[in-house]
Amino acid sequence: MKRTIGTVAITFLVTSALWHLGTGLRKSFEVTWLLSAVKAPGRMALYVVYNDLQAGNLELAKAHLEVLRESWARFEGEEGYVGNGIGNIMVEFRDMPMP
């Protein structure tokens, strides 16, 4: 009887530890993904729009904001932490035709 209880207790402890480790790794991945796919590119895109506004180029600022809006809409449609996020926004800015 004691041996069965000991086996159950050890199995529970090992399973709990592995579950905790897996959950921690998943959360770390999600934070890293958010930084690289959303936060940093979003900050850079807003900086570009800000510079457009400071330079008085309202049409270019509107065009950049529209590309950012479309990219954000695609990001919101993604399931969970997969896909590009808005990580390629600066490439989209570079490739857009100038107004």
Protein backbone atom coordinates (compact mmCIF):
# COMPACT_ATOMS: atom_id res chain seq x y z
CA MET A 1 0.00 0.00 0.00
CA LYS A 2 2.79 2.44 0.93
CA ARG A 3 4.58 1.62 -2.30
CA THR A 4 1.47 2.43 -4.37
CA ILE A 5 0.97 5.76 -2.61
CA GLY A 6 4.67 6.58 -3.10
CA THR A 7 4.46 5.74 -6.81
CA VAL A 8 1.35 7.90 -7.24
CA ALA A 9 2.98 10.79 -5.36
CA ILE A 10 6.19 10.62 -7.40
CA THR A 11 4.22 10.39 -10.66
CA PHE A 12 2.17 13.42 -9.62
CA LEU A 13 5.28 15.45 -8.75
CA VAL A 14 7.09 14.59 -11.99
CA THR A 15 3.99 15.31 -14.09
CA SER A 16 3.45 18.64 -12.31
CA ALA A 17 7.07 19.66 -12.80
CA LEU A 18 7.00 18.82 -16.51
CA TRP A 19 3.67 20.62 -16.95
CA HIS A 20 5.07 23.72 -15.23
CA LEU A 21 8.22 23.62 -17.38
CA GLY A 22 6.20 23.26 -20.59
CA THR A 23 3.86 26.11 -19.66
CA GLY A 24 6.80 28.37 -18.79
CA LEU A 25 8.51 27.64 -22.10
CA ARG A 26 5.29 28.36 -24.01
CA LYS A 27 4.84 31.71 -22.25
CA SER A 28 8.46 32.64 -22.96
CA PHE A 29 7.93 31.83 -26.64
CA GLU A 30 4.77 33.95 -26.74
CA VAL A 31 6.52 36.96 -25.21
CA THR A 32 9.43 36.66 -27.64
CA TRP A 33 7.01 36.29 -30.55
CA LEU A 34 5.04 39.38 -29.51
CA LEU A 35 8.20 41.46 -29.27
CA SER A 36 9.54 40.38 -32.65
CA ALA A 37 6.28 40.19 -34.59
CA VAL A 38 4.22 43.03 -33.16
CA LYS A 39 5.78 45.44 -30.69
CA ALA A 40 9.06 46.36 -32.39
CA PRO A 41 7.69 46.53 -35.96
CA GLY A 42 4.66 48.49 -34.75
CA ARG A 43 6.89 51.03 -33.02
CA MET A 44 9.02 51.41 -36.17
CA ALA A 45 5.92 51.85 -38.35
CA LEU A 46 4.49 54.53 -36.07
CA TYR A 47 7.86 56.30 -36.11
CA VAL A 48 7.72 56.37 -39.94
CA VAL A 49 4.20 57.84 -39.82
CA TYR A 50 5.34 60.39 -37.24
CA ASN A 51 8.24 61.45 -39.48
CA ASP A 52 5.85 61.78 -42.43
CA LEU A 53 3.62 64.06 -40.36
CA GLN A 54 6.57 66.10 -39.10
CA ALA A 55 7.73 66.60 -42.69
CA GLY A 56 4.23 67.77 -43.67
CA ASN A 57 3.70 64.85 -46.03
CA LEU A 58 0.10 64.05 -45.13
CA GLU A 59 -0.63 61.87 -48.16
CA LEU A 60 2.33 59.61 -47.44
CA ALA A 61 1.33 59.43 -43.75
CA LYS A 62 -2.21 58.40 -44.78
CA ALA A 63 -0.83 55.77 -47.15
CA HIS A 64 1.47 54.36 -44.45
CA LEU A 65 -1.39 54.29 -41.94
CA GLU A 66 -3.60 52.42 -44.41
CA VAL A 67 -0.90 49.78 -44.95
CA LEU A 68 -0.48 49.51 -41.17
CA ARG A 69 -4.25 49.17 -40.72
CA GLU A 70 -4.43 46.37 -43.32
CA SER A 71 -1.47 44.58 -41.75
CA TRP A 72 -3.05 44.86 -38.30
CA ALA A 73 -6.34 43.46 -39.64
CA ARG A 74 -4.47 40.41 -40.99
CA PHE A 75 -2.74 40.01 -37.62
CA GLU A 76 -6.05 40.09 -35.73
CA GLY A 77 -7.33 37.28 -37.96
CA GLU A 78 -4.44 34.98 -37.06
CA GLU A 79 -5.05 32.13 -34.64
CA GLY A 80 -2.91 32.44 -31.52
CA TYR A 81 0.80 33.11 -31.72
CA VAL A 82 1.51 32.07 -35.27
CA GLY A 83 2.12 33.90 -38.52
CA ASN A 84 3.99 37.10 -39.22
CA GLY A 85 2.07 39.38 -36.91
CA ILE A 86 2.97 42.77 -38.34
CA GLY A 87 6.65 41.83 -38.51
CA ASN A 88 6.96 42.62 -42.21
CA ILE A 89 5.38 46.09 -42.06
CA MET A 90 8.61 47.88 -42.98
CA VAL A 91 8.96 45.67 -46.08
CA GLU A 92 5.39 46.59 -47.00
CA PHE A 93 6.22 50.28 -46.49
CA ARG A 94 9.26 49.94 -48.73
CA ASP A 95 7.34 48.18 -51.50
CA MET A 96 4.29 50.46 -51.53
CA PRO A 97 3.89 52.89 -54.43
CA MET A 98 4.51 56.49 -53.49
CA PRO A 99 1.40 58.73 -53.56
